[in-house]
């Protein structure tokens, strides 16, 4: 049933895979011009989630970045989740973790931190006509104090994608510094009246080298 991996095949039966969560751990940052090898594979199924892992290796074969993604199978018509039946579990998997751990659920933020808003731009929209998943991470990066990036670097990022945003929607972000070099984000769509995104960014001090 390898055909079930393809977008076109899924659309024929009215199904879609959507990204639900992401976790990335960075051991070291590559330099400009470095050649990297990327490996990605199916890892595990924990209904209703399917997990896919990935890693980036340097030219010596050392792992520099690893991560895991969680996916939901939904109906294309109403966006309701489907159970991952044995038919879909026939897609090959390695069942080996990249080392990052799975993207867990981030608790709802109960405290108010710094609040900022932004409007969804047309350049944020993907082929499904909603905000691309990577854009939410970029939003978080832009919301953090610029001085932070001069002295620290992201070591671990976890995201939860809860709902979609559309062109011209207004998004309100709540940003809370929980501990030294840990920042939690919650994004609420003021236009559609629902929470859409959570993230946990953890930093480490940059080395002097």
C-alpha atoms as a PDB file:
ATOM      1  CA  UNK A   1       0.000   0.000   0.000  1.00  0.00           C
ATOM      2  CA  UNK A   2       2.897   2.371  -0.671  1.00  0.00           C
ATOM      3  CA  UNK A   3       0.566   4.414  -2.867  1.00  0.00           C
ATOM      4  CA  UNK A   4      -1.134   5.651   0.316  1.00  0.00           C
ATOM      5  CA  UNK A   5       1.948   7.761   0.994  1.00  0.00           C
ATOM      6  CA  UNK A   6       1.288  10.029  -1.958  1.00  0.00           C
ATOM      7  CA  UNK A   7      -0.843  13.142  -1.766  1.00  0.00           C
ATOM      8  CA  UNK A   8      -2.654  12.372  -5.047  1.00  0.00           C
ATOM      9  CA  UNK A   9      -3.612   8.861  -3.933  1.00  0.00           C
ATOM     10  CA  UNK A  10      -4.938  10.094  -0.611  1.00  0.00           C
ATOM     11  CA  UNK A  11      -6.971  12.840  -2.261  1.00  0.00           C
ATOM     12  CA  UNK A  12      -8.701  10.216  -4.431  1.00  0.00           C
ATOM     13  CA  UNK A  13     -10.105   8.581  -1.292  1.00  0.00           C
ATOM     14  CA  UNK A  14     -10.808  11.889   0.456  1.00  0.00           C
ATOM     15  CA  UNK A  15      -7.983  11.739   3.010  1.00  0.00           C
ATOM     16  CA  UNK A  16      -5.115  14.018   4.006  1.00  0.00           C
ATOM     17  CA  UNK A  17      -2.086  13.760   6.282  1.00  0.00           C
ATOM     18  CA  UNK A  18      -1.655  16.932   8.361  1.00  0.00           C
ATOM     19  CA  UNK A  19       1.262  17.870  10.581  1.00  0.00           C
ATOM     20  CA  UNK A  20       0.263  17.860  14.250  1.00  0.00           C
ATOM     21  CA  UNK A  21       3.583  18.261  16.057  1.00  0.00           C
ATOM     22  CA  UNK A  22       7.303  18.787  15.552  1.00  0.00           C
ATOM     23  CA  UNK A  23      10.336  18.368  17.786  1.00  0.00           C
ATOM     24  CA  UNK A  24      13.896  19.313  16.799  1.00  0.00           C
ATOM     25  CA  UNK A  25      17.119  18.945  18.783  1.00  0.00           C
ATOM     26  CA  UNK A  26      20.323  20.631  17.620  1.00  0.00           C
ATOM     27  CA  UNK A  27      23.645  19.158  18.720  1.00  0.00           C
ATOM     28  CA  UNK A  28      25.690  21.603  16.656  1.00  0.00           C
ATOM     29  CA  UNK A  29      25.045  24.104  13.900  1.00  0.00           C
ATOM     30  CA  UNK A  30      26.508  23.567  10.432  1.00  0.00           C
ATOM     31  CA  UNK A  31      28.610  26.293   8.884  1.00  0.00           C
ATOM     32  CA  UNK A  32      28.081  27.985   5.548  1.00  0.00           C
ATOM     33  CA  UNK A  33      29.107  25.629   2.732  1.00  0.00           C
ATOM     34  CA  UNK A  34      28.987  22.444   4.812  1.00  0.00           C
ATOM     35  CA  UNK A  35      27.629  19.398   3.016  1.00  0.00           C
ATOM     36  CA  UNK A  36      24.943  17.515   4.943  1.00  0.00           C
ATOM     37  CA  UNK A  37      23.071  14.265   4.461  1.00  0.00           C
ATOM     38  CA  UNK A  38      19.417  14.092   5.457  1.00  0.00           C
ATOM     39  CA  UNK A  39      17.718  10.820   6.381  1.00  0.00           C
ATOM     40  CA  UNK A  40      14.005  10.493   7.064  1.00  0.00           C
ATOM     41  CA  UNK A  41      11.854   7.474   7.878  1.00  0.00           C
ATOM     42  CA  UNK A  42       8.579   6.285   9.320  1.00  0.00           C
ATOM     43  CA  UNK A  43       8.979   5.524  13.003  1.00  0.00           C
ATOM     44  CA  UNK A  44       5.859   4.437  14.854  1.00  0.00           C
ATOM     45  CA  UNK A  45       2.062   4.496  15.091  1.00  0.00           C
ATOM     46  CA  UNK A  46       0.178   5.514  18.212  1.00  0.00           C
ATOM     47  CA  UNK A  47      -3.389   5.961  17.028  1.00  0.00           C
ATOM     48  CA  UNK A  48      -4.430   8.602  16.059  1.00  0.00           C
ATOM     49  CA  UNK A  49      -0.829   9.685  15.370  1.00  0.00           C
ATOM     50  CA  UNK A  50       1.771   8.451  12.912  1.00  0.00           C
ATOM     51  CA  UNK A  51       5.372   9.458  13.619  1.00  0.00           C
ATOM     52  CA  UNK A  52       8.163  10.202  11.162  1.00  0.00           C
ATOM     53  CA  UNK A  53      11.754  10.911  12.227  1.00  0.00           C
ATOM     54  CA  UNK A  54      14.643  12.666  10.518  1.00  0.00           C
ATOM     55  CA  UNK A  55      18.311  13.498  11.024  1.00  0.00           C
ATOM     56  CA  UNK A  56      21.039  15.609   9.466  1.00  0.00           C
ATOM     57  CA  UNK A  57      24.567  14.199   9.339  1.00  0.00           C
ATOM     58  CA  UNK A  58      27.817  16.029   8.637  1.00  0.00           C
ATOM     59  CA  UNK A  59      30.440  14.759   6.200  1.00  0.00           C
ATOM     60  CA  UNK A  60      31.949  12.497   8.871  1.00  0.00           C
ATOM     61  CA  UNK A  61      28.586  10.844   9.510  1.00  0.00           C
ATOM     62  CA  UNK A  62      28.073  12.585  12.846  1.00  0.00           C
ATOM     63  CA  UNK A  63      24.488  13.541  13.648  1.00  0.00           C
ATOM     64  CA  UNK A  64      24.180  17.310  14.070  1.00  0.00           C
ATOM     65  CA  UNK A  65      20.373  17.709  14.078  1.00  0.00           C
ATOM     66  CA  UNK A  66      17.596  15.225  14.800  1.00  0.00           C
ATOM     67  CA  UNK A  67      13.851  15.454  15.016  1.00  0.00           C
ATOM     68  CA  UNK A  68      10.450  13.835  14.969  1.00  0.00           C
ATOM     69  CA  UNK A  69       7.069  14.794  13.510  1.00  0.00           C
ATOM     70  CA  UNK A  70       3.567  13.608  14.399  1.00  0.00           C
ATOM     71  CA  UNK A  71       0.837  13.351  11.768  1.00  0.00           C
ATOM     72  CA  UNK A  72      -2.949  13.038  11.803  1.00  0.00           C
ATOM     73  CA  UNK A  73      -4.963  11.362   9.058  1.00  0.00           C
ATOM     74  CA  UNK A  74      -8.082  13.443   8.413  1.00  0.00           C
ATOM     75  CA  UNK A  75     -11.084  13.556   6.096  1.00  0.00           C
ATOM     76  CA  UNK A  76     -10.539  16.149   3.399  1.00  0.00           C
ATOM     77  CA  UNK A  77     -14.195  17.225   3.486  1.00  0.00           C
ATOM     78  CA  UNK A  78     -14.677  18.005   7.190  1.00  0.00           C
ATOM     79  CA  UNK A  79     -11.109  17.785   8.595  1.00  0.00           C
ATOM     80  CA  UNK A  80     -12.152  15.213  11.211  1.00  0.00           C
ATOM     81  CA  UNK A  81      -9.404  12.783  12.317  1.00  0.00           C
ATOM     82  CA  UNK A  82      -9.447   9.179  11.111  1.00  0.00           C
ATOM     83  CA  UNK A  83      -8.125   6.164  12.938  1.00  0.00           C
ATOM     84  CA  UNK A  84      -4.891   4.810  11.510  1.00  0.00           C
ATOM     85  CA  UNK A  85      -6.101   1.353  10.478  1.00  0.00           C
ATOM     86  CA  UNK A  86      -3.946  -1.616   9.522  1.00  0.00           C
ATOM     87  CA  UNK A  87      -4.206  -0.566   5.871  1.00  0.00           C
ATOM     88  CA  UNK A  88      -2.176   2.567   6.577  1.00  0.00           C
ATOM     89  CA  UNK A  89       0.182   0.802   8.970  1.00  0.00           C
ATOM     90  CA  UNK A  90       1.506  -1.261   6.048  1.00  0.00           C
ATOM     91  CA  UNK A  91       3.561   1.759   5.026  1.00  0.00           C
ATOM     92  CA  UNK A  92       7.186   0.703   5.799  1.00  0.00           C
ATOM     93  CA  UNK A  93       8.770   2.042   8.979  1.00  0.00           C
ATOM     94  CA  UNK A  94      12.065   1.609  10.775  1.00  0.00           C
ATOM     95  CA  UNK A  95      10.682   1.872  14.285  1.00  0.00           C
ATOM     96  CA  UNK A  96      13.911   3.537  15.445  1.00  0.00           C
ATOM     97  CA  UNK A  97      14.000   6.969  17.051  1.00  0.00           C
ATOM     98  CA  UNK A  98      16.269   9.694  15.696  1.00  0.00           C
ATOM     99  CA  UNK A  99      17.127  10.552  19.294  1.00  0.00           C
ATOM    100  CA  UNK A 100      14.978  13.640  19.671  1.00  0.00           C
ATOM    101  CA  UNK A 101      12.004  11.962  21.309  1.00  0.00           C
ATOM    102  CA  UNK A 102       8.442  12.419  20.087  1.00  0.00           C
ATOM    103  CA  UNK A 103       6.754  15.835  19.994  1.00  0.00           C
ATOM    104  CA  UNK A 104       4.619  15.788  23.130  1.00  0.00           C
ATOM    105  CA  UNK A 105       1.613  17.905  24.007  1.00  0.00           C
ATOM    106  CA  UNK A 106       2.512  21.376  25.255  1.00  0.00           C
ATOM    107  CA  UNK A 107       0.198  22.448  28.127  1.00  0.00           C
ATOM    108  CA  UNK A 108      -2.032  25.473  27.581  1.00  0.00           C
ATOM    109  CA  UNK A 109      -0.504  28.732  28.797  1.00  0.00           C
ATOM    110  CA  UNK A 110      -2.347  29.968  31.900  1.00  0.00           C
ATOM    111  CA  UNK A 111      -0.234  33.049  32.536  1.00  0.00           C
ATOM    112  CA  UNK A 112      -0.087  36.215  30.505  1.00  0.00           C
ATOM    113  CA  UNK A 113       3.264  37.279  29.148  1.00  0.00           C
ATOM    114  CA  UNK A 114       4.163  39.639  26.341  1.00  0.00           C
ATOM    115  CA  UNK A 115       1.341  39.895  23.799  1.00  0.00           C
ATOM    116  CA  UNK A 116       1.885  40.805  20.157  1.00  0.00           C
ATOM    117  CA  UNK A 117      -0.307  40.573  17.075  1.00  0.00           C
ATOM    118  CA  UNK A 118       0.341  40.079  13.395  1.00  0.00           C
ATOM    119  CA  UNK A 119      -1.698  39.747  10.231  1.00  0.00           C
ATOM    120  CA  UNK A 120      -1.363  36.697   7.989  1.00  0.00           C
ATOM    121  CA  UNK A 121       0.301  37.718   4.728  1.00  0.00           C
ATOM    122  CA  UNK A 122      -0.250  36.139   1.328  1.00  0.00           C
ATOM    123  CA  UNK A 123       3.380  34.928   1.311  1.00  0.00           C
ATOM    124  CA  UNK A 124       2.613  32.854   4.445  1.00  0.00           C
ATOM    125  CA  UNK A 125       0.089  30.673   2.579  1.00  0.00           C
ATOM    126  CA  UNK A 126       0.866  27.187   1.199  1.00  0.00           C
ATOM    127  CA  UNK A 127      -0.782  25.029  -1.480  1.00  0.00           C
ATOM    128  CA  UNK A 128      -3.603  24.115   0.924  1.00  0.00           C
ATOM    129  CA  UNK A 129      -4.486  27.831   1.219  1.00  0.00           C
ATOM    130  CA  UNK A 130      -3.585  28.148   4.903  1.00  0.00           C
ATOM    131  CA  UNK A 131      -0.487  29.270   6.811  1.00  0.00           C
ATOM    132  CA  UNK A 132       2.472  26.976   6.149  1.00  0.00           C
ATOM    133  CA  UNK A 133       3.685  25.120   9.254  1.00  0.00           C
ATOM    134  CA  UNK A 134       7.200  26.530   8.989  1.00  0.00           C
ATOM    135  CA  UNK A 135       5.812  30.069   9.076  1.00  0.00           C
ATOM    136  CA  UNK A 136       4.663  29.661  12.674  1.00  0.00           C
ATOM    137  CA  UNK A 137       8.256  28.931  13.718  1.00  0.00           C
ATOM    138  CA  UNK A 138       9.379  32.018  11.793  1.00  0.00           C
ATOM    139  CA  UNK A 139       6.706  34.069  13.598  1.00  0.00           C
ATOM    140  CA  UNK A 140       8.153  32.943  16.948  1.00  0.00           C
ATOM    141  CA  UNK A 141      11.697  33.780  15.880  1.00  0.00           C
ATOM    142  CA  UNK A 142      10.606  37.280  14.847  1.00  0.00           C
ATOM    143  CA  UNK A 143       8.812  37.841  18.163  1.00  0.00           C
ATOM    144  CA  UNK A 144      11.841  37.143  20.345  1.00  0.00           C
ATOM    145  CA  UNK A 145      14.216  39.894  21.387  1.00  0.00           C
ATOM    146  CA  UNK A 146      16.909  40.363  18.783  1.00  0.00           C
ATOM    147  CA  UNK A 147      19.621  40.576  21.451  1.00  0.00           C
ATOM    148  CA  UNK A 148      18.853  36.998  22.502  1.00  0.00           C
ATOM    149  CA  UNK A 149      20.182  35.652  19.208  1.00  0.00           C
ATOM    150  CA  UNK A 150      23.518  37.418  19.729  1.00  0.00           C
ATOM    151  CA  UNK A 151      24.323  35.428  22.875  1.00  0.00           C
ATOM    152  CA  UNK A 152      22.244  32.237  22.582  1.00  0.00           C
ATOM    153  CA  UNK A 153      21.172  29.658  20.036  1.00  0.00           C
ATOM    154  CA  UNK A 154      18.134  27.381  19.839  1.00  0.00           C
ATOM    155  CA  UNK A 155      18.887  23.937  21.244  1.00  0.00           C
ATOM    156  CA  UNK A 156      15.423  22.351  21.177  1.00  0.00           C
ATOM    157  CA  UNK A 157      12.112  23.382  19.595  1.00  0.00           C
ATOM    158  CA  UNK A 158       8.746  21.661  20.076  1.00  0.00           C
ATOM    159  CA  UNK A 159       5.579  22.783  18.301  1.00  0.00           C
ATOM    160  CA  UNK A 160       1.911  21.767  18.419  1.00  0.00           C
ATOM    161  CA  UNK A 161      -0.297  22.663  15.453  1.00  0.00           C
ATOM    162  CA  UNK A 162      -3.895  22.945  16.696  1.00  0.00           C
ATOM    163  CA  UNK A 163      -5.798  24.597  13.864  1.00  0.00           C
ATOM    164  CA  UNK A 164      -5.316  26.531  10.645  1.00  0.00           C
ATOM    165  CA  UNK A 165      -5.075  30.206   9.770  1.00  0.00           C
ATOM    166  CA  UNK A 166      -6.149  31.837   6.520  1.00  0.00           C
ATOM    167  CA  UNK A 167      -5.152  34.947   4.553  1.00  0.00           C
ATOM    168  CA  UNK A 168      -5.782  38.251   6.379  1.00  0.00           C
ATOM    169  CA  UNK A 169      -6.506  36.505   9.702  1.00  0.00           C
ATOM    170  CA  UNK A 170      -5.301  38.377  12.800  1.00  0.00           C
ATOM    171  CA  UNK A 171      -3.166  36.276  15.161  1.00  0.00           C
ATOM    172  CA  UNK A 172      -2.461  37.221  18.790  1.00  0.00           C
ATOM    173  CA  UNK A 173       0.663  35.718  20.368  1.00  0.00           C
ATOM    174  CA  UNK A 174       1.305  35.250  24.082  1.00  0.00           C
ATOM    175  CA  UNK A 175       5.008  34.809  24.906  1.00  0.00           C
ATOM    176  CA  UNK A 176       6.134  33.671  28.366  1.00  0.00           C
ATOM    177  CA  UNK A 177       9.722  33.261  29.570  1.00  0.00           C
ATOM    178  CA  UNK A 178       9.385  30.269  31.921  1.00  0.00           C
ATOM    179  CA  UNK A 179      13.006  29.796  32.918  1.00  0.00           C
ATOM    180  CA  UNK A 180      16.307  31.193  31.833  1.00  0.00           C
ATOM    181  CA  UNK A 181      16.491  30.628  28.060  1.00  0.00           C
ATOM    182  CA  UNK A 182      13.115  28.867  27.788  1.00  0.00           C
ATOM    183  CA  UNK A 183      10.225  30.570  26.000  1.00  0.00           C
ATOM    184  CA  UNK A 184       6.645  29.336  25.596  1.00  0.00           C
ATOM    185  CA  UNK A 185       4.324  30.577  22.862  1.00  0.00           C
ATOM    186  CA  UNK A 186       0.586  30.402  22.344  1.00  0.00           C
ATOM    187  CA  UNK A 187      -1.120  31.748  19.225  1.00  0.00           C
ATOM    188  CA  UNK A 188      -4.815  32.620  19.093  1.00  0.00           C
ATOM    189  CA  UNK A 189      -6.617  33.427  15.858  1.00  0.00           C
ATOM    190  CA  UNK A 190      -8.716  36.517  16.637  1.00  0.00           C
ATOM    191  CA  UNK A 191     -10.543  36.248  13.317  1.00  0.00           C
ATOM    192  CA  UNK A 192     -11.618  32.607  13.673  1.00  0.00           C
ATOM    193  CA  UNK A 193     -11.790  32.706  17.504  1.00  0.00           C
ATOM    194  CA  UNK A 194      -9.643  29.667  18.296  1.00  0.00           C
ATOM    195  CA  UNK A 195      -6.174  28.712  19.483  1.00  0.00           C
ATOM    196  CA  UNK A 196      -4.046  27.572  16.601  1.00  0.00           C
ATOM    197  CA  UNK A 197      -0.478  26.946  17.776  1.00  0.00           C
ATOM    198  CA  UNK A 198       1.790  26.316  20.778  1.00  0.00           C
ATOM    199  CA  UNK A 199       5.571  26.177  20.941  1.00  0.00           C
ATOM    200  CA  UNK A 200       8.377  25.579  23.419  1.00  0.00           C
ATOM    201  CA  UNK A 201      11.761  27.106  22.503  1.00  0.00           C
ATOM    202  CA  UNK A 202      14.805  26.188  24.585  1.00  0.00           C
ATOM    203  CA  UNK A 203      18.125  27.949  24.126  1.00  0.00           C
ATOM    204  CA  UNK A 204      21.721  27.511  25.231  1.00  0.00           C
ATOM    205  CA  UNK A 205      24.487  30.045  25.527  1.00  0.00           C
ATOM    206  CA  UNK A 206      26.689  30.301  22.472  1.00  0.00           C
ATOM    207  CA  UNK A 207      30.221  28.978  22.897  1.00  0.00           C
ATOM    208  CA  UNK A 208      33.149  31.336  22.542  1.00  0.00           C
ATOM    209  CA  UNK A 209      34.616  29.339  19.685  1.00  0.00           C
END
